[in-house]
Amino acid sequence: MFTLSIDAPAAGAARLRLSGHFDDVAARQVLHAAADAVQCGCSRLVLDLDGLSSWDDEAVFAVTGCTRLARWLTDGVAVVAAISPGKDLADRAGIGVPAMMATCPAC
């Protein structure tokens, strides 16, 4: 079962905490939540993968999609993935560094 929790770790930031199994349905939920954070005017998005128990290939596309939102966020996107399987997902999505920060290319 997948759970998505949303909170604000700092002013202007939105954190998406993912737990459970990250499948295709969860991938759509995460992408919609990330897009909503951009539309609401957040300056930073934090994607926390440390609560995941497993993931499908669709999760890779969702994580990649979230990091591509950095161009619309002045403070970019941070991916927290210190433990597996979240770390494995981040590696598969091309994000090899825990707490990687994707900055806004226009900034």
PDB file of N, CA and C in Angstrom:
ATOM      1  N   MET A   1       0.836  -1.174   0.000  1.00  0.00           N
ATOM      2  CA  MET A   1       0.000   0.000   0.000  1.00  0.00           C
ATOM      3  C   MET A   1       0.887   1.245   0.000  1.00  0.00           C
ATOM      4  N   PHE A   2       0.505   2.232  -0.781  1.00  0.00           N
ATOM      5  CA  PHE A   2       1.274   3.465  -0.923  1.00  0.00           C
ATOM      6  C   PHE A   2       0.629   4.583  -0.116  1.00  0.00           C
ATOM      7  N   THR A   3       1.476   5.393   0.520  1.00  0.00           N
ATOM      8  CA  THR A   3       1.002   6.563   1.250  1.00  0.00           C
ATOM      9  C   THR A   3       1.834   7.768   0.832  1.00  0.00           C
ATOM     10  N   LEU A   4       1.152   8.859   0.522  1.00  0.00           N
ATOM     11  CA  LEU A   4       1.800  10.125   0.192  1.00  0.00           C
ATOM     12  C   LEU A   4       1.406  11.135   1.253  1.00  0.00           C
ATOM     13  N   SER A   5       2.398  11.678   1.950  1.00  0.00           N
ATOM     14  CA  SER A   5       2.162  12.716   2.953  1.00  0.00           C
ATOM     15  C   SER A   5       2.810  13.998   2.460  1.00  0.00           C
ATOM     16  N   ILE A   6       2.120  15.100   2.656  1.00  0.00           N
ATOM     17  CA  ILE A   6       2.635  16.393   2.210  1.00  0.00           C
ATOM     18  C   ILE A   6       2.727  17.317   3.410  1.00  0.00           C
ATOM     19  N   ASP A   7       3.888  17.946   3.570  1.00  0.00           N
ATOM     20  CA  ASP A   7       4.051  18.937   4.629  1.00  0.00           C
ATOM     21  C   ASP A   7       4.978  20.041   4.139  1.00  0.00           C
ATOM     22  N   ALA A   8       5.234  20.989   5.011  1.00  0.00           N
ATOM     23  CA  ALA A   8       6.093  22.132   4.667  1.00  0.00           C
ATOM     24  C   ALA A   8       7.256  22.179   5.653  1.00  0.00           C
ATOM     25  N   PRO A   9       8.441  21.685   5.248  1.00  0.00           N
ATOM     26  CA  PRO A   9       9.586  21.672   6.157  1.00  0.00           C
ATOM     27  C   PRO A   9      10.170  23.057   6.423  1.00  0.00           C
ATOM     28  N   ALA A  10       9.868  24.002   5.547  1.00  0.00           N
ATOM     29  CA  ALA A  10      10.352  25.384   5.687  1.00  0.00           C
ATOM     30  C   ALA A  10       9.418  26.290   4.895  1.00  0.00           C
ATOM     31  N   ALA A  11       9.512  27.568   5.147  1.00  0.00           N
ATOM     32  CA  ALA A  11       8.671  28.527   4.427  1.00  0.00           C
ATOM     33  C   ALA A  11       8.933  28.429   2.926  1.00  0.00           C
ATOM     34  N   GLY A  12       7.878  28.306   2.143  1.00  0.00           N
ATOM     35  CA  GLY A  12       8.004  28.249   0.693  1.00  0.00           C
ATOM     36  C   GLY A  12       8.323  26.884   0.129  1.00  0.00           C
ATOM     37  N   ALA A  13       8.482  25.886   0.990  1.00  0.00           N
ATOM     38  CA  ALA A  13       8.844  24.545   0.528  1.00  0.00           C
ATOM     39  C   ALA A  13       7.683  23.574   0.721  1.00  0.00           C
ATOM     40  N   ALA A  14       7.631  22.572  -0.135  1.00  0.00           N
ATOM     41  CA  ALA A  14       6.677  21.476   0.002  1.00  0.00           C
ATOM     42  C   ALA A  14       7.470  20.175   0.005  1.00  0.00           C
ATOM     43  N   ARG A  15       7.164  19.309   0.983  1.00  0.00           N
ATOM     44  CA  ARG A  15       7.849  18.010   1.047  1.00  0.00           C
ATOM     45  C   ARG A  15       6.823  16.915   0.784  1.00  0.00           C
ATOM     46  N   LEU A  16       7.155  16.043  -0.162  1.00  0.00           N
ATOM     47  CA  LEU A  16       6.339  14.874  -0.461  1.00  0.00           C
ATOM     48  C   LEU A  16       7.043  13.673   0.148  1.00  0.00           C
ATOM     49  N   ARG A  17       6.433  13.081   1.176  1.00  0.00           N
ATOM     50  CA  ARG A  17       6.997  11.886   1.822  1.00  0.00           C
ATOM     51  C   ARG A  17       6.273  10.664   1.278  1.00  0.00           C
ATOM     52  N   LEU A  18       7.034   9.768   0.690  1.00  0.00           N
ATOM     53  CA  LEU A  18       6.471   8.581   0.066  1.00  0.00           C
ATOM     54  C   LEU A  18       6.772   7.368   0.922  1.00  0.00           C
ATOM     55  N   SER A  19       5.769   6.510   1.107  1.00  0.00           N
ATOM     56  CA  SER A  19       5.997   5.269   1.843  1.00  0.00           C
ATOM     57  C   SER A  19       5.174   4.153   1.218  1.00  0.00           C
ATOM     58  N   GLY A  20       5.660   2.937   1.390  1.00  0.00           N
ATOM     59  CA  GLY A  20       4.984   1.771   0.830  1.00  0.00           C
ATOM     60  C   GLY A  20       5.494   1.430  -0.553  1.00  0.00           C
ATOM     61  N   HIS A  21       4.608   0.827  -1.362  1.00  0.00           N
ATOM     62  CA  HIS A  21       4.968   0.385  -2.711  1.00  0.00           C
ATOM     63  C   HIS A  21       4.633   1.479  -3.725  1.00  0.00           C
ATOM     64  N   PHE A  22       5.632   1.930  -4.464  1.00  0.00           N
ATOM     65  CA  PHE A  22       5.512   3.027  -5.430  1.00  0.00           C
ATOM     66  C   PHE A  22       5.226   2.423  -6.805  1.00  0.00           C
ATOM     67  N   ASP A  23       3.946   2.363  -7.195  1.00  0.00           N
ATOM     68  CA  ASP A  23       3.553   1.770  -8.471  1.00  0.00           C
ATOM     69  C   ASP A  23       3.055   2.842  -9.441  1.00  0.00           C
ATOM     70  N   ASP A  24       2.394   2.418 -10.519  1.00  0.00           N
ATOM     71  CA  ASP A  24       1.940   3.369 -11.536  1.00  0.00           C
ATOM     72  C   ASP A  24       0.870   4.323 -11.014  1.00  0.00           C
ATOM     73  N   VAL A  25      -0.031   3.854 -10.182  1.00  0.00           N
ATOM     74  CA  VAL A  25      -1.063   4.724  -9.608  1.00  0.00           C
ATOM     75  C   VAL A  25      -0.410   5.750  -8.684  1.00  0.00           C
ATOM     76  N   ALA A  26       0.524   5.296  -7.870  1.00  0.00           N
ATOM     77  CA  ALA A  26       1.253   6.193  -6.967  1.00  0.00           C
ATOM     78  C   ALA A  26       2.064   7.214  -7.762  1.00  0.00           C
ATOM     79  N   ALA A  27       2.633   6.791  -8.881  1.00  0.00           N
ATOM     80  CA  ALA A  27       3.429   7.701  -9.714  1.00  0.00           C
ATOM     81  C   ALA A  27       2.581   8.874 -10.188  1.00  0.00           C
ATOM     82  N   ARG A  28       1.354   8.592 -10.601  1.00  0.00           N
ATOM     83  CA  ARG A  28       0.460   9.676 -11.029  1.00  0.00           C
ATOM     84  C   ARG A  28       0.125  10.605  -9.861  1.00  0.00           C
ATOM     85  N   GLN A  29      -0.111  10.039  -8.682  1.00  0.00           N
ATOM     86  CA  GLN A  29      -0.413  10.854  -7.500  1.00  0.00           C
ATOM     87  C   GLN A  29       0.748  11.783  -7.170  1.00  0.00           C
ATOM     88  N   VAL A  30       1.954  11.252  -7.222  1.00  0.00           N
ATOM     89  CA  VAL A  30       3.143  12.038  -6.889  1.00  0.00           C
ATOM     90  C   VAL A  30       3.349  13.159  -7.907  1.00  0.00           C
ATOM     91  N   LEU A  31       3.211  12.854  -9.182  1.00  0.00           N
ATOM     92  CA  LEU A  31       3.381  13.885 -10.209  1.00  0.00           C
ATOM     93  C   LEU A  31       2.332  14.987 -10.077  1.00  0.00           C
ATOM     94  N   HIS A  32       1.095  14.618  -9.782  1.00  0.00           N
ATOM     95  CA  HIS A  32       0.049  15.628  -9.581  1.00  0.00           C
ATOM     96  C   HIS A  32       0.344  16.484  -8.357  1.00  0.00           C
ATOM     97  N   ALA A  33       0.781  15.863  -7.263  1.00  0.00           N
ATOM     98  CA  ALA A  33       1.102  16.622  -6.046  1.00  0.00           C
ATOM     99  C   ALA A  33       2.275  17.562  -6.283  1.00  0.00           C
ATOM    100  N   ALA A  34       3.281  17.101  -7.021  1.00  0.00           N
ATOM    101  CA  ALA A  34       4.440  17.948  -7.322  1.00  0.00           C
ATOM    102  C   ALA A  34       4.029  19.130  -8.202  1.00  0.00           C
ATOM    103  N   ALA A  35       3.197  18.866  -9.195  1.00  0.00           N
ATOM    104  CA  ALA A  35       2.717  19.949 -10.064  1.00  0.00           C
ATOM    105  C   ALA A  35       1.878  20.948  -9.271  1.00  0.00           C
ATOM    106  N   ASP A  36       1.072  20.457  -8.342  1.00  0.00           N
ATOM    107  CA  ASP A  36       0.277  21.348  -7.487  1.00  0.00           C
ATOM    108  C   ASP A  36       1.174  22.246  -6.644  1.00  0.00           C
ATOM    109  N   ALA A  37       2.280  21.699  -6.155  1.00  0.00           N
ATOM    110  CA  ALA A  37       3.223  22.501  -5.359  1.00  0.00           C
ATOM    111  C   ALA A  37       3.798  23.640  -6.196  1.00  0.00           C
ATOM    112  N   VAL A  38       4.104  23.358  -7.448  1.00  0.00           N
ATOM    113  CA  VAL A  38       4.614  24.397  -8.347  1.00  0.00           C
ATOM    114  C   VAL A  38       3.536  25.449  -8.590  1.00  0.00           C
ATOM    115  N   GLN A  39       2.319  24.999  -8.880  1.00  0.00           N
ATOM    116  CA  GLN A  39       1.217  25.931  -9.147  1.00  0.00           C
ATOM    117  C   GLN A  39       0.892  26.806  -7.940  1.00  0.00           C
ATOM    118  N   CYS A  40       1.085  26.280  -6.744  1.00  0.00           N
ATOM    119  CA  CYS A  40       0.776  27.042  -5.521  1.00  0.00           C
ATOM    120  C   CYS A  40       1.857  28.064  -5.184  1.00  0.00           C
ATOM    121  N   GLY A  41       2.935  28.080  -5.949  1.00  0.00           N
ATOM    122  CA  GLY A  41       3.973  29.083  -5.745  1.00  0.00           C
ATOM    123  C   GLY A  41       5.097  28.680  -4.822  1.00  0.00           C
ATOM    124  N   CYS A  42       5.234  27.395  -4.549  1.00  0.00           N
ATOM    125  CA  CYS A  42       6.362  26.951  -3.720  1.00  0.00           C
ATOM    126  C   CYS A  42       7.675  27.272  -4.426  1.00  0.00           C
ATOM    127  N   SER A  43       8.702  27.532  -3.643  1.00  0.00           N
ATOM    128  CA  SER A  43      10.011  27.824  -4.218  1.00  0.00           C
ATOM    129  C   SER A  43      10.918  26.594  -4.205  1.00  0.00           C
ATOM    130  N   ARG A  44      10.524  25.558  -3.425  1.00  0.00           N
ATOM    131  CA  ARG A  44      11.350  24.359  -3.312  1.00  0.00           C
ATOM    132  C   ARG A  44      10.458  23.147  -3.124  1.00  0.00           C
ATOM    133  N   LEU A  45      10.867  22.032  -3.717  1.00  0.00           N
ATOM    134  CA  LEU A  45      10.173  20.765  -3.562  1.00  0.00           C
ATOM    135  C   LEU A  45      11.160  19.755  -3.003  1.00  0.00           C
ATOM    136  N   VAL A  46      10.752  19.046  -1.964  1.00  0.00           N
ATOM    137  CA  VAL A  46      11.568  17.981  -1.383  1.00  0.00           C
ATOM    138  C   VAL A  46      10.824  16.670  -1.619  1.00  0.00           C
ATOM    139  N   LEU A  47      11.475  15.729  -2.270  1.00  0.00           N
ATOM    140  CA  LEU A  47      10.906  14.420  -2.549  1.00  0.00           C
ATOM    141  C   LEU A  47      11.625  13.410  -1.665  1.00  0.00           C
ATOM    142  N   ASP A  48      10.937  12.915  -0.636  1.00  0.00           N
ATOM    143  CA  ASP A  48      11.538  12.014   0.351  1.00  0.00           C
ATOM    144  C   ASP A  48      11.169  10.572   0.017  1.00  0.00           C
ATOM    145  N   LEU A  49      12.164   9.794  -0.410  1.00  0.00           N
ATOM    146  CA  LEU A  49      11.963   8.408  -0.828  1.00  0.00           C
ATOM    147  C   LEU A  49      12.317   7.396   0.254  1.00  0.00           C
ATOM    148  N   ASP A  50      12.747   7.845   1.419  1.00  0.00           N
ATOM    149  CA  ASP A  50      13.258   6.929   2.438  1.00  0.00           C
ATOM    150  C   ASP A  50      12.206   6.008   3.053  1.00  0.00           C
ATOM    151  N   GLY A  51      10.917   6.296   2.878  1.00  0.00           N
ATOM    152  CA  GLY A  51       9.877   5.441   3.443  1.00  0.00           C
ATOM    153  C   GLY A  51       9.398   4.340   2.516  1.00  0.00           C
ATOM    154  N   LEU A  52       9.976   4.264   1.323  1.00  0.00           N
ATOM    155  CA  LEU A  52       9.516   3.273   0.351  1.00  0.00           C
ATOM    156  C   LEU A  52       9.926   1.859   0.745  1.00  0.00           C
ATOM    157  N   SER A  53       9.031   0.911   0.475  1.00  0.00           N
ATOM    158  CA  SER A  53       9.340  -0.499   0.710  1.00  0.00           C
ATOM    159  C   SER A  53       9.672  -1.215  -0.597  1.00  0.00           C
ATOM    160  N   SER A  54       9.146  -0.692  -1.717  1.00  0.00           N
ATOM    161  CA  SER A  54       9.409  -1.267  -3.039  1.00  0.00           C
ATOM    162  C   SER A  54       8.906  -0.287  -4.093  1.00  0.00           C
ATOM    163  N   TRP A  55       9.280  -0.540  -5.354  1.00  0.00           N
ATOM    164  CA  TRP A  55       8.858   0.344  -6.437  1.00  0.00           C
ATOM    165  C   TRP A  55       8.839  -0.397  -7.768  1.00  0.00           C
ATOM    166  N   ASP A  56       8.016   0.114  -8.696  1.00  0.00           N
ATOM    167  CA  ASP A  56       7.917  -0.396 -10.068  1.00  0.00           C
ATOM    168  C   ASP A  56       8.649   0.563 -11.001  1.00  0.00           C
ATOM    169  N   ASP A  57       8.787   0.162 -12.257  1.00  0.00           N
ATOM    170  CA  ASP A  57       9.475   1.007 -13.240  1.00  0.00           C
ATOM    171  C   ASP A  57       8.822   2.374 -13.421  1.00  0.00           C
ATOM    172  N   GLU A  58       7.505   2.457 -13.247  1.00  0.00           N
ATOM    173  CA  GLU A  58       6.812   3.739 -13.399  1.00  0.00           C
ATOM    174  C   GLU A  58       7.299   4.766 -12.383  1.00  0.00           C
ATOM    175  N   ALA A  59       7.779   4.299 -11.248  1.00  0.00           N
ATOM    176  CA  ALA A  59       8.294   5.197 -10.212  1.00  0.00           C
ATOM    177  C   ALA A  59       9.507   5.976 -10.717  1.00  0.00           C
ATOM    178  N   VAL A  60      10.304   5.358 -11.569  1.00  0.00           N
ATOM    179  CA  VAL A  60      11.483   6.026 -12.133  1.00  0.00           C
ATOM    180  C   VAL A  60      11.052   7.257 -12.929  1.00  0.00           C
ATOM    181  N   PHE A  61      10.007   7.103 -13.726  1.00  0.00           N
ATOM    182  CA  PHE A  61       9.514   8.225 -14.531  1.00  0.00           C
ATOM    183  C   PHE A  61       8.958   9.336 -13.647  1.00  0.00           C
ATOM    184  N   ALA A  62       8.296   8.964 -12.559  1.00  0.00           N
ATOM    185  CA  ALA A  62       7.736   9.972 -11.650  1.00  0.00           C
ATOM    186  C   ALA A  62       8.840  10.758 -10.955  1.00  0.00           C
ATOM    187  N   VAL A  63       9.875  10.081 -10.488  1.00  0.00           N
ATOM    188  CA  VAL A  63      10.986  10.770  -9.821  1.00  0.00           C
ATOM    189  C   VAL A  63      11.697  11.690 -10.813  1.00  0.00           C
ATOM    190  N   THR A  64      11.935  11.195 -12.013  1.00  0.00           N
ATOM    191  CA  THR A  64      12.555  12.023 -13.048  1.00  0.00           C
ATOM    192  C   THR A  64      11.686  13.237 -13.362  1.00  0.00           C
ATOM    193  N   GLY A  65      10.387  13.019 -13.476  1.00  0.00           N
ATOM    194  CA  GLY A  65       9.465  14.119 -13.742  1.00  0.00           C
ATOM    195  C   GLY A  65       9.484  15.169 -12.648  1.00  0.00           C
ATOM    196  N   CYS A  66       9.546  14.723 -11.400  1.00  0.00           N
ATOM    197  CA  CYS A  66       9.610  15.672 -10.281  1.00  0.00           C
ATOM    198  C   CYS A  66      10.887  16.504 -10.330  1.00  0.00           C
ATOM    199  N   THR A  67      12.012  15.882 -10.637  1.00  0.00           N
ATOM    200  CA  THR A  67      13.261  16.645 -10.681  1.00  0.00           C
ATOM    201  C   THR A  67      13.263  17.641 -11.836  1.00  0.00           C
ATOM    202  N   ARG A  68      12.541  17.333 -12.899  1.00  0.00           N
ATOM    203  CA  ARG A  68      12.467  18.268 -14.034  1.00  0.00           C
ATOM    204  C   ARG A  68      11.640  19.509 -13.718  1.00  0.00           C
ATOM    205  N   LEU A  69      10.879  19.466 -12.643  1.00  0.00           N
ATOM    206  CA  LEU A  69      10.121  20.648 -12.219  1.00  0.00           C
ATOM    207  C   LEU A  69      11.031  21.732 -11.645  1.00  0.00           C
ATOM    208  N   ALA A  70      12.296  21.423 -11.437  1.00  0.00           N
ATOM    209  CA  ALA A  70      13.246  22.378 -10.846  1.00  0.00           C
ATOM    210  C   ALA A  70      13.308  23.687 -11.620  1.00  0.00           C
ATOM    211  N   ARG A  71      13.073  23.634 -12.912  1.00  0.00           N
ATOM    212  CA  ARG A  71      13.157  24.862 -13.723  1.00  0.00           C
ATOM    213  C   ARG A  71      12.115  25.896 -13.317  1.00  0.00           C
ATOM    214  N   TRP A  72      11.027  25.453 -12.657  1.00  0.00           N
ATOM    215  CA  TRP A  72       9.981  26.381 -12.228  1.00  0.00           C
ATOM    216  C   TRP A  72      10.051  26.705 -10.734  1.00  0.00           C
ATOM    217  N   LEU A  73      11.049  26.195 -10.050  1.00  0.00           N
ATOM    218  CA  LEU A  73      11.194  26.412  -8.607  1.00  0.00           C
ATOM    219  C   LEU A  73      12.513  27.130  -8.347  1.00  0.00           C
ATOM    220  N   THR A  74      12.452  28.310  -7.777  1.00  0.00           N
ATOM    221  CA  THR A  74      13.677  29.101  -7.596  1.00  0.00           C
ATOM    222  C   THR A  74      14.714  28.397  -6.734  1.00  0.00           C
ATOM    223  N   ASP A  75      14.273  27.576  -5.781  1.00  0.00           N
ATOM    224  CA  ASP A  75      15.211  26.853  -4.920  1.00  0.00           C
ATOM    225  C   ASP A  75      15.357  25.387  -5.306  1.00  0.00           C
ATOM    226  N   GLY A  76      14.779  24.995  -6.441  1.00  0.00           N
ATOM    227  CA  GLY A  76      14.991  23.667  -6.989  1.00  0.00           C
ATOM    228  C   GLY A  76      14.244  22.543  -6.302  1.00  0.00           C
ATOM    229  N   VAL A  77      14.719  21.332  -6.567  1.00  0.00           N
ATOM    230  CA  VAL A  77      14.130  20.101  -6.051  1.00  0.00           C
ATOM    231  C   VAL A  77      15.210  19.326  -5.316  1.00  0.00           C
ATOM    232  N   ALA A  78      14.909  18.909  -4.105  1.00  0.00           N
ATOM    233  CA  ALA A  78      15.824  18.058  -3.340  1.00  0.00           C
ATOM    234  C   ALA A  78      15.225  16.662  -3.273  1.00  0.00           C
ATOM    235  N   VAL A  79      16.058  15.651  -3.477  1.00  0.00           N
ATOM    236  CA  VAL A  79      15.619  14.266  -3.369  1.00  0.00           C
ATOM    237  C   VAL A  79      16.348  13.645  -2.188  1.00  0.00           C
ATOM    238  N   VAL A  80      15.576  13.161  -1.219  1.00  0.00           N
ATOM    239  CA  VAL A  80      16.136  12.492  -0.046  1.00  0.00           C
ATOM    240  C   VAL A  80      16.015  10.993  -0.286  1.00  0.00           C
ATOM    241  N   ALA A  81      17.153  10.324  -0.362  1.00  0.00           N
ATOM    242  CA  ALA A  81      17.170   8.889  -0.650  1.00  0.00           C
ATOM    243  C   ALA A  81      18.414   8.274  -0.024  1.00  0.00           C
ATOM    244  N   ALA A  82      18.434   8.208   1.292  1.00  0.00           N
ATOM    245  CA  ALA A  82      19.619   7.722   1.996  1.00  0.00           C
ATOM    246  C   ALA A  82      19.622   6.211   2.185  1.00  0.00           C
ATOM    247  N   ILE A  83      18.438   5.582   2.136  1.00  0.00           N
ATOM    248  CA  ILE A  83      18.358   4.141   2.375  1.00  0.00           C
ATOM    249  C   ILE A  83      17.599   3.461   1.238  1.00  0.00           C
ATOM    250  N   SER A  84      17.871   2.171   1.064  1.00  0.00           N
ATOM    251  CA  SER A  84      17.179   1.389   0.030  1.00  0.00           C
ATOM    252  C   SER A  84      15.813   0.975   0.555  1.00  0.00           C
ATOM    253  N   PRO A  85      14.848   0.810  -0.323  1.00  0.00           N
ATOM    254  CA  PRO A  85      14.898   0.851  -1.776  1.00  0.00           C
ATOM    255  C   PRO A  85      14.806   2.248  -2.395  1.00  0.00           C
ATOM    256  N   GLY A  86      14.573   3.284  -1.584  1.00  0.00           N
ATOM    257  CA  GLY A  86      14.523   4.644  -2.121  1.00  0.00           C
ATOM    258  C   GLY A  86      15.819   5.051  -2.794  1.00  0.00           C
ATOM    259  N   LYS A  87      16.946   4.659  -2.195  1.00  0.00           N
ATOM    260  CA  LYS A  87      18.259   4.976  -2.772  1.00  0.00           C
ATOM    261  C   LYS A  87      18.427   4.288  -4.129  1.00  0.00           C
ATOM    262  N   ASP A  88      17.953   3.048  -4.219  1.00  0.00           N
ATOM    263  CA  ASP A  88      18.034   2.321  -5.491  1.00  0.00           C
ATOM    264  C   ASP A  88      17.187   3.000  -6.568  1.00  0.00           C
ATOM    265  N   LEU A  89      16.017   3.484  -6.172  1.00  0.00           N
ATOM    266  CA  LEU A  89      15.153   4.201  -7.109  1.00  0.00           C
ATOM    267  C   LEU A  89      15.822   5.486  -7.590  1.00  0.00           C
ATOM    268  N   ALA A  90      16.418   6.228  -6.667  1.00  0.00           N
ATOM    269  CA  ALA A  90      17.113   7.464  -7.039  1.00  0.00           C
ATOM    270  C   ALA A  90      18.263   7.163  -7.998  1.00  0.00           C
ATOM    271  N   ASP A  91      19.012   6.104  -7.720  1.00  0.00           N
ATOM    272  CA  ASP A  91      20.105   5.706  -8.615  1.00  0.00           C
ATOM    273  C   ASP A  91      19.568   5.370 -10.006  1.00  0.00           C
ATOM    274  N   ARG A  92      18.487   4.620 -10.052  1.00  0.00           N
ATOM    275  CA  ARG A  92      17.893   4.219 -11.335  1.00  0.00           C
ATOM    276  C   ARG A  92      17.376   5.431 -12.107  1.00  0.00           C
ATOM    277  N   ALA A  93      16.918   6.450 -11.375  1.00  0.00           N
ATOM    278  CA  ALA A  93      16.416   7.671 -12.019  1.00  0.00           C
ATOM    279  C   ALA A  93      17.547   8.631 -12.380  1.00  0.00           C
ATOM    280  N   GLY A  94      18.791   8.233 -12.100  1.00  0.00           N
ATOM    281  CA  GLY A  94      19.934   9.071 -12.444  1.00  0.00           C
ATOM    282  C   GLY A  94      20.294  10.082 -11.382  1.00  0.00           C
ATOM    283  N   ILE A  95      19.799   9.860 -10.174  1.00  0.00           N
ATOM    284  CA  ILE A  95      20.092  10.756  -9.053  1.00  0.00           C
ATOM    285  C   ILE A  95      20.912   9.946  -8.060  1.00  0.00           C
ATOM    286  N   GLY A  96      22.213   9.971  -8.199  1.00  0.00           N
ATOM    287  CA  GLY A  96      23.060   9.098  -7.416  1.00  0.00           C
ATOM    288  C   GLY A  96      23.506   9.612  -6.070  1.00  0.00           C
ATOM    289  N   VAL A  97      23.153  10.830  -5.728  1.00  0.00           N
ATOM    290  CA  VAL A  97      23.644  11.423  -4.488  1.00  0.00           C
ATOM    291  C   VAL A  97      22.479  11.623  -3.524  1.00  0.00           C
ATOM    292  N   PRO A  98      22.554  11.064  -2.290  1.00  0.00           N
ATOM    293  CA  PRO A  98      21.491  11.320  -1.322  1.00  0.00           C
ATOM    294  C   PRO A  98      21.344  12.817  -1.066  1.00  0.00           C
ATOM    295  N   ALA A  99      20.112  13.259  -0.916  1.00  0.00           N
ATOM    296  CA  ALA A  99      19.783  14.676  -0.704  1.00  0.00           C
ATOM    297  C   ALA A  99      20.304  15.521  -1.866  1.00  0.00           C
ATOM    298  N   MET A 100      20.246  14.957  -3.070  1.00  0.00           N
ATOM    299  CA  MET A 100      20.656  15.662  -4.279  1.00  0.00           C
ATOM    300  C   MET A 100      19.765  16.873  -4.483  1.00  0.00           C
ATOM    301  N   MET A 101      20.352  17.937  -4.929  1.00  0.00           N
ATOM    302  CA  MET A 101      19.603  19.160  -5.180  1.00  0.00           C
ATOM    303  C   MET A 101      19.655  19.475  -6.659  1.00  0.00           C
ATOM    304  N   ALA A 102      18.507  19.488  -7.299  1.00  0.00           N
ATOM    305  CA  ALA A 102      18.418  19.915  -8.694  1.00  0.00           C
ATOM    306  C   ALA A 102      18.050  21.390  -8.671  1.00  0.00           C
ATOM    307  N   THR A 103      18.956  22.229  -9.108  1.00  0.00           N
ATOM    308  CA  THR A 103      18.700  23.668  -9.044  1.00  0.00           C
ATOM    309  C   THR A 103      18.045  24.166 -10.317  1.00  0.00           C
ATOM    310  N   CYS A 104      17.478  25.318 -10.203  1.00  0.00           N
ATOM    311  CA  CYS A 104      16.811  25.948 -11.333  1.00  0.00           C
ATOM    312  C   CYS A 104      17.867  26.380 -12.351  1.00  0.00           C
ATOM    313  N   PRO A 105      17.813  25.874 -13.603  1.00  0.00           N
ATOM    314  CA  PRO A 105      18.837  26.224 -14.582  1.00  0.00           C
ATOM    315  C   PRO A 105      18.828  27.698 -14.969  1.00  0.00           C
ATOM    316  N   ALA A 106      17.719  28.388 -14.763  1.00  0.00           N
ATOM    317  CA  ALA A 106      17.640  29.811 -15.110  1.00  0.00           C
ATOM    318  C   ALA A 106      18.173  30.706 -13.999  1.00  0.00           C
ATOM    319  N   CYS A 107      18.441  30.123 -12.832  1.00  0.00           N
ATOM    320  CA  CYS A 107      18.872  30.929 -11.674  1.00  0.00           C
ATOM    321  C   CYS A 107      20.379  31.067 -11.610  1.00  0.00           C
TER     322      CYS A 107
END
